[in-house]
Amino acid sequence: MSRAEADGHADFPKGTGLPASRAFRAAGYACLDDLAGVPAAELTKLHGVGPASLTVIQAALEQTGRSLG
């Protein structure tokens, strides 16, 4: 198992960043699917989540026809 898998980082798109991945997990979001529909304003309140991570998440969601709330 890689370090990314052990940290749960592999469940989010490449480029999300380890601090953001940890913040998502700590807030109860286990994978990209869990973030669909969540307001960006809510996610930016999480320590470790910034504009760069949200851009990566939004782009990944858009590839499947979804978006942040």
PDB file of N, CA and C in Angstrom:
ATOM      1  N   MET A   1       0.845  -1.173   0.000  1.00  0.00           N
ATOM      2  CA  MET A   1       0.000   0.000   0.000  1.00  0.00           C
ATOM      3  C   MET A   1       0.893   1.239   0.000  1.00  0.00           C
ATOM      4  N   SER A   2       0.596   2.173  -0.879  1.00  0.00           N
ATOM      5  CA  SER A   2       1.389   3.393  -0.951  1.00  0.00           C
ATOM      6  C   SER A   2       1.002   4.336   0.182  1.00  0.00           C
ATOM      7  N   ARG A   3       1.840   5.322   0.416  1.00  0.00           N
ATOM      8  CA  ARG A   3       1.541   6.309   1.458  1.00  0.00           C
ATOM      9  C   ARG A   3       0.256   7.063   1.120  1.00  0.00           C
ATOM     10  N   ALA A   4       0.065   7.385  -0.164  1.00  0.00           N
ATOM     11  CA  ALA A   4      -1.150   8.096  -0.583  1.00  0.00           C
ATOM     12  C   ALA A   4      -2.393   7.275  -0.261  1.00  0.00           C
ATOM     13  N   GLU A   5      -2.326   5.977  -0.495  1.00  0.00           N
ATOM     14  CA  GLU A   5      -3.461   5.106  -0.179  1.00  0.00           C
ATOM     15  C   GLU A   5      -3.681   5.034   1.325  1.00  0.00           C
ATOM     16  N   ALA A   6      -2.602   4.934   2.080  1.00  0.00           N
ATOM     17  CA  ALA A   6      -2.708   4.841   3.532  1.00  0.00           C
ATOM     18  C   ALA A   6      -3.310   6.108   4.130  1.00  0.00           C
ATOM     19  N   ASP A   7      -2.987   7.259   3.541  1.00  0.00           N
ATOM     20  CA  ASP A   7      -3.512   8.533   4.024  1.00  0.00           C
ATOM     21  C   ASP A   7      -4.910   8.831   3.485  1.00  0.00           C
ATOM     22  N   GLY A   8      -5.407   7.997   2.582  1.00  0.00           N
ATOM     23  CA  GLY A   8      -6.702   8.251   1.984  1.00  0.00           C
ATOM     24  C   GLY A   8      -6.637   9.244   0.842  1.00  0.00           C
ATOM     25  N   HIS A   9      -5.431   9.648   0.479  1.00  0.00           N
ATOM     26  CA  HIS A   9      -5.228  10.645  -0.571  1.00  0.00           C
ATOM     27  C   HIS A   9      -5.616  10.102  -1.936  1.00  0.00           C
ATOM     28  N   ALA A  10      -5.509   8.809  -2.135  1.00  0.00           N
ATOM     29  CA  ALA A  10      -5.805   8.206  -3.433  1.00  0.00           C
ATOM     30  C   ALA A  10      -7.293   8.280  -3.768  1.00  0.00           C
ATOM     31  N   ASP A  11      -8.140   8.583  -2.793  1.00  0.00           N
ATOM     32  CA  ASP A  11      -9.582   8.668  -3.018  1.00  0.00           C
ATOM     33  C   ASP A  11     -10.022  10.013  -3.588  1.00  0.00           C
ATOM     34  N   PHE A  12      -9.074  10.946  -3.715  1.00  0.00           N
ATOM     35  CA  PHE A  12      -9.347  12.262  -4.275  1.00  0.00           C
ATOM     36  C   PHE A  12      -8.447  12.465  -5.497  1.00  0.00           C
ATOM     37  N   PRO A  13      -8.829  13.347  -6.419  1.00  0.00           N
ATOM     38  CA  PRO A  13      -8.054  13.520  -7.649  1.00  0.00           C
ATOM     39  C   PRO A  13      -6.614  13.954  -7.397  1.00  0.00           C
ATOM     40  N   LYS A  14      -5.737  13.523  -8.295  1.00  0.00           N
ATOM     41  CA  LYS A  14      -4.340  13.943  -8.236  1.00  0.00           C
ATOM     42  C   LYS A  14      -4.301  15.463  -8.307  1.00  0.00           C
ATOM     43  N   GLY A  15      -3.514  16.066  -7.454  1.00  0.00           N
ATOM     44  CA  GLY A  15      -3.416  17.515  -7.410  1.00  0.00           C
ATOM     45  C   GLY A  15      -4.234  18.139  -6.296  1.00  0.00           C
ATOM     46  N   THR A  16      -5.028  17.316  -5.613  1.00  0.00           N
ATOM     47  CA  THR A  16      -5.852  17.838  -4.522  1.00  0.00           C
ATOM     48  C   THR A  16      -4.979  18.330  -3.375  1.00  0.00           C
ATOM     49  N   GLY A  17      -3.912  17.643  -3.109  1.00  0.00           N
ATOM     50  CA  GLY A  17      -3.024  18.011  -2.013  1.00  0.00           C
ATOM     51  C   GLY A  17      -3.342  17.207  -0.766  1.00  0.00           C
ATOM     52  N   LEU A  18      -2.313  16.796  -0.081  1.00  0.00           N
ATOM     53  CA  LEU A  18      -2.485  15.976   1.112  1.00  0.00           C
ATOM     54  C   LEU A  18      -3.216  16.714   2.238  1.00  0.00           C
ATOM     55  N   PRO A  19      -2.899  17.995   2.510  1.00  0.00           N
ATOM     56  CA  PRO A  19      -3.647  18.682   3.570  1.00  0.00           C
ATOM     57  C   PRO A  19      -5.151  18.743   3.290  1.00  0.00           C
ATOM     58  N   ALA A  20      -5.517  19.011   2.045  1.00  0.00           N
ATOM     59  CA  ALA A  20      -6.942  19.067   1.692  1.00  0.00           C
ATOM     60  C   ALA A  20      -7.575  17.686   1.812  1.00  0.00           C
ATOM     61  N   SER A  21      -6.882  16.662   1.347  1.00  0.00           N
ATOM     62  CA  SER A  21      -7.416  15.299   1.440  1.00  0.00           C
ATOM     63  C   SER A  21      -7.668  14.914   2.890  1.00  0.00           C
ATOM     64  N   ARG A  22      -6.743  15.260   3.753  1.00  0.00           N
ATOM     65  CA  ARG A  22      -6.913  14.967   5.181  1.00  0.00           C
ATOM     66  C   ARG A  22      -8.087  15.756   5.765  1.00  0.00           C
ATOM     67  N   ALA A  23      -8.204  17.008   5.354  1.00  0.00           N
ATOM     68  CA  ALA A  23      -9.307  17.842   5.848  1.00  0.00           C
ATOM     69  C   ALA A  23     -10.654  17.280   5.406  1.00  0.00           C
ATOM     70  N   PHE A  24     -10.739  16.841   4.153  1.00  0.00           N
ATOM     71  CA  PHE A  24     -11.988  16.254   3.662  1.00  0.00           C
ATOM     72  C   PHE A  24     -12.350  15.018   4.478  1.00  0.00           C
ATOM     73  N   ARG A  25     -11.369  14.151   4.698  1.00  0.00           N
ATOM     74  CA  ARG A  25     -11.625  12.924   5.466  1.00  0.00           C
ATOM     75  C   ARG A  25     -12.065  13.251   6.896  1.00  0.00           C
ATOM     76  N   ALA A  26     -11.384  14.205   7.515  1.00  0.00           N
ATOM     77  CA  ALA A  26     -11.719  14.575   8.896  1.00  0.00           C
ATOM     78  C   ALA A  26     -13.143  15.131   8.999  1.00  0.00           C
ATOM     79  N   ALA A  27     -13.615  15.746   7.911  1.00  0.00           N
ATOM     80  CA  ALA A  27     -14.968  16.310   7.892  1.00  0.00           C
ATOM     81  C   ALA A  27     -16.018  15.291   7.455  1.00  0.00           C
ATOM     82  N   GLY A  28     -15.569  14.063   7.166  1.00  0.00           N
ATOM     83  CA  GLY A  28     -16.516  13.008   6.824  1.00  0.00           C
ATOM     84  C   GLY A  28     -16.701  12.740   5.343  1.00  0.00           C
ATOM     85  N   TYR A  29     -15.880  13.370   4.503  1.00  0.00           N
ATOM     86  CA  TYR A  29     -15.936  13.133   3.059  1.00  0.00           C
ATOM     87  C   TYR A  29     -14.870  12.103   2.706  1.00  0.00           C
ATOM     88  N   ALA A  30     -15.284  10.907   2.304  1.00  0.00           N
ATOM     89  CA  ALA A  30     -14.349   9.809   2.078  1.00  0.00           C
ATOM     90  C   ALA A  30     -13.771   9.766   0.669  1.00  0.00           C
ATOM     91  N   CYS A  31     -14.467  10.379  -0.295  1.00  0.00           N
ATOM     92  CA  CYS A  31     -14.008  10.314  -1.682  1.00  0.00           C
ATOM     93  C   CYS A  31     -14.609  11.468  -2.474  1.00  0.00           C
ATOM     94  N   LEU A  32     -14.197  11.591  -3.722  1.00  0.00           N
ATOM     95  CA  LEU A  32     -14.678  12.662  -4.588  1.00  0.00           C
ATOM     96  C   LEU A  32     -16.199  12.675  -4.673  1.00  0.00           C
ATOM     97  N   ASP A  33     -16.812  11.514  -4.782  1.00  0.00           N
ATOM     98  CA  ASP A  33     -18.275  11.436  -4.890  1.00  0.00           C
ATOM     99  C   ASP A  33     -18.976  12.135  -3.725  1.00  0.00           C
ATOM    100  N   ASP A  34     -18.386  12.063  -2.539  1.00  0.00           N
ATOM    101  CA  ASP A  34     -18.988  12.682  -1.360  1.00  0.00           C
ATOM    102  C   ASP A  34     -19.001  14.209  -1.441  1.00  0.00           C
ATOM    103  N   LEU A  35     -18.134  14.778  -2.279  1.00  0.00           N
ATOM    104  CA  LEU A  35     -18.031  16.232  -2.378  1.00  0.00           C
ATOM    105  C   LEU A  35     -19.011  16.834  -3.381  1.00  0.00           C
ATOM    106  N   ALA A  36     -19.607  16.006  -4.217  1.00  0.00           N
ATOM    107  CA  ALA A  36     -20.559  16.502  -5.215  1.00  0.00           C
ATOM    108  C   ALA A  36     -21.734  17.182  -4.514  1.00  0.00           C
ATOM    109  N   GLY A  37     -22.013  18.410  -4.901  1.00  0.00           N
ATOM    110  CA  GLY A  37     -23.129  19.151  -4.336  1.00  0.00           C
ATOM    111  C   GLY A  37     -22.834  19.908  -3.055  1.00  0.00           C
ATOM    112  N   VAL A  38     -21.666  19.697  -2.471  1.00  0.00           N
ATOM    113  CA  VAL A  38     -21.308  20.404  -1.244  1.00  0.00           C
ATOM    114  C   VAL A  38     -20.909  21.836  -1.619  1.00  0.00           C
ATOM    115  N   PRO A  39     -21.440  22.835  -0.948  1.00  0.00           N
ATOM    116  CA  PRO A  39     -21.077  24.218  -1.274  1.00  0.00           C
ATOM    117  C   PRO A  39     -19.581  24.482  -1.081  1.00  0.00           C
ATOM    118  N   ALA A  40     -18.987  25.155  -2.043  1.00  0.00           N
ATOM    119  CA  ALA A  40     -17.567  25.492  -1.958  1.00  0.00           C
ATOM    120  C   ALA A  40     -17.282  26.303  -0.699  1.00  0.00           C
ATOM    121  N   ALA A  41     -18.210  27.180  -0.324  1.00  0.00           N
ATOM    122  CA  ALA A  41     -18.027  28.000   0.879  1.00  0.00           C
ATOM    123  C   ALA A  41     -17.876  27.136   2.129  1.00  0.00           C
ATOM    124  N   GLU A  42     -18.569  26.011   2.162  1.00  0.00           N
ATOM    125  CA  GLU A  42     -18.459  25.093   3.301  1.00  0.00           C
ATOM    126  C   GLU A  42     -17.076  24.439   3.318  1.00  0.00           C
ATOM    127  N   LEU A  43     -16.594  24.053   2.147  1.00  0.00           N
ATOM    128  CA  LEU A  43     -15.302  23.374   2.067  1.00  0.00           C
ATOM    129  C   LEU A  43     -14.138  24.308   2.376  1.00  0.00           C
ATOM    130  N   THR A  44     -14.254  25.585   2.008  1.00  0.00           N
ATOM    131  CA  THR A  44     -13.158  26.518   2.279  1.00  0.00           C
ATOM    132  C   THR A  44     -12.996  26.795   3.771  1.00  0.00           C
ATOM    133  N   LYS A  45     -13.980  26.448   4.571  1.00  0.00           N
ATOM    134  CA  LYS A  45     -13.872  26.604   6.021  1.00  0.00           C
ATOM    135  C   LYS A  45     -12.965  25.542   6.639  1.00  0.00           C
ATOM    136  N   LEU A  46     -12.699  24.478   5.888  1.00  0.00           N
ATOM    137  CA  LEU A  46     -11.860  23.390   6.398  1.00  0.00           C
ATOM    138  C   LEU A  46     -10.392  23.790   6.331  1.00  0.00           C
ATOM    139  N   HIS A  47      -9.679  23.602   7.429  1.00  0.00           N
ATOM    140  CA  HIS A  47      -8.252  23.903   7.465  1.00  0.00           C
ATOM    141  C   HIS A  47      -7.512  22.986   6.489  1.00  0.00           C
ATOM    142  N   GLY A  48      -6.782  23.577   5.561  1.00  0.00           N
ATOM    143  CA  GLY A  48      -6.033  22.799   4.576  1.00  0.00           C
ATOM    144  C   GLY A  48      -6.655  22.823   3.192  1.00  0.00           C
ATOM    145  N   VAL A  49      -7.861  23.380   3.088  1.00  0.00           N
ATOM    146  CA  VAL A  49      -8.551  23.451   1.798  1.00  0.00           C
ATOM    147  C   VAL A  49      -8.510  24.890   1.299  1.00  0.00           C
ATOM    148  N   GLY A  50      -7.938  25.060   0.108  1.00  0.00           N
ATOM    149  CA  GLY A  50      -7.844  26.392  -0.473  1.00  0.00           C
ATOM    150  C   GLY A  50      -8.321  26.407  -1.910  1.00  0.00           C
ATOM    151  N   PRO A  51      -8.147  27.531  -2.576  1.00  0.00           N
ATOM    152  CA  PRO A  51      -8.621  27.682  -3.953  1.00  0.00           C
ATOM    153  C   PRO A  51      -8.038  26.655  -4.924  1.00  0.00           C
ATOM    154  N   ALA A  52      -6.777  26.317  -4.765  1.00  0.00           N
ATOM    155  CA  ALA A  52      -6.156  25.353  -5.684  1.00  0.00           C
ATOM    156  C   ALA A  52      -6.815  23.980  -5.566  1.00  0.00           C
ATOM    157  N   SER A  53      -7.042  23.536  -4.352  1.00  0.00           N
ATOM    158  CA  SER A  53      -7.687  22.232  -4.146  1.00  0.00           C
ATOM    159  C   SER A  53      -9.112  22.234  -4.681  1.00  0.00           C
ATOM    160  N   LEU A  54      -9.827  23.319  -4.461  1.00  0.00           N
ATOM    161  CA  LEU A  54     -11.204  23.394  -4.941  1.00  0.00           C
ATOM    162  C   LEU A  54     -11.268  23.405  -6.466  1.00  0.00           C
ATOM    163  N   THR A  55     -10.286  24.028  -7.106  1.00  0.00           N
ATOM    164  CA  THR A  55     -10.228  24.027  -8.570  1.00  0.00           C
ATOM    165  C   THR A  55     -10.057  22.609  -9.089  1.00  0.00           C
ATOM    166  N   VAL A  56      -9.188  21.842  -8.457  1.00  0.00           N
ATOM    167  CA  VAL A  56      -8.959  20.450  -8.854  1.00  0.00           C
ATOM    168  C   VAL A  56     -10.222  19.620  -8.634  1.00  0.00           C
ATOM    169  N   ILE A  57     -10.858  19.790  -7.495  1.00  0.00           N
ATOM    170  CA  ILE A  57     -12.081  19.043  -7.174  1.00  0.00           C
ATOM    171  C   ILE A  57     -13.189  19.388  -8.160  1.00  0.00           C
ATOM    172  N   GLN A  58     -13.384  20.679  -8.418  1.00  0.00           N
ATOM    173  CA  GLN A  58     -14.443  21.104  -9.334  1.00  0.00           C
ATOM    174  C   GLN A  58     -14.207  20.535 -10.734  1.00  0.00           C
ATOM    175  N   ALA A  59     -12.967  20.581 -11.212  1.00  0.00           N
ATOM    176  CA  ALA A  59     -12.654  20.051 -12.545  1.00  0.00           C
ATOM    177  C   ALA A  59     -12.933  18.555 -12.619  1.00  0.00           C
ATOM    178  N   ALA A  60     -12.576  17.828 -11.573  1.00  0.00           N
ATOM    179  CA  ALA A  60     -12.813  16.378 -11.555  1.00  0.00           C
ATOM    180  C   ALA A  60     -14.311  16.073 -11.536  1.00  0.00           C
ATOM    181  N   LEU A  61     -15.067  16.834 -10.778  1.00  0.00           N
ATOM    182  CA  LEU A  61     -16.515  16.627 -10.732  1.00  0.00           C
ATOM    183  C   LEU A  61     -17.155  16.943 -12.086  1.00  0.00           C
ATOM    184  N   GLU A  62     -16.697  18.003 -12.734  1.00  0.00           N
ATOM    185  CA  GLU A  62     -17.256  18.397 -14.028  1.00  0.00           C
ATOM    186  C   GLU A  62     -17.045  17.327 -15.096  1.00  0.00           C
ATOM    187  N   GLN A  63     -15.984  16.543 -14.964  1.00  0.00           N
ATOM    188  CA  GLN A  63     -15.728  15.465 -15.933  1.00  0.00           C
ATOM    189  C   GLN A  63     -16.825  14.411 -15.902  1.00  0.00           C
ATOM    190  N   THR A  64     -17.565  14.362 -14.816  1.00  0.00           N
ATOM    191  CA  THR A  64     -18.660  13.391 -14.698  1.00  0.00           C
ATOM    192  C   THR A  64     -20.025  14.082 -14.634  1.00  0.00           C
ATOM    193  N   GLY A  65     -20.063  15.345 -15.058  1.00  0.00           N
ATOM    194  CA  GLY A  65     -21.324  16.066 -15.107  1.00  0.00           C
ATOM    195  C   GLY A  65     -21.843  16.553 -13.770  1.00  0.00           C
ATOM    196  N   ARG A  66     -20.974  16.623 -12.778  1.00  0.00           N
ATOM    197  CA  ARG A  66     -21.376  17.077 -11.440  1.00  0.00           C
ATOM    198  C   ARG A  66     -20.619  18.349 -11.090  1.00  0.00           C
ATOM    199  N   SER A  67     -20.925  18.921  -9.950  1.00  0.00           N
ATOM    200  CA  SER A  67     -20.218  20.116  -9.505  1.00  0.00           C
ATOM    201  C   SER A  67     -20.350  20.262  -7.994  1.00  0.00           C
ATOM    202  N   LEU A  68     -19.607  21.218  -7.468  1.00  0.00           N
ATOM    203  CA  LEU A  68     -19.785  21.595  -6.075  1.00  0.00           C
ATOM    204  C   LEU A  68     -21.090  22.371  -5.985  1.00  0.00           C
ATOM    205  N   GLY A  69     -21.638  22.475  -4.790  1.00  0.00           N
ATOM    206  CA  GLY A  69     -22.914  23.170  -4.609  1.00  0.00           C
ATOM    207  C   GLY A  69     -22.784  24.664  -4.663  1.00  0.00           C
TER     208      GLY A  69
END
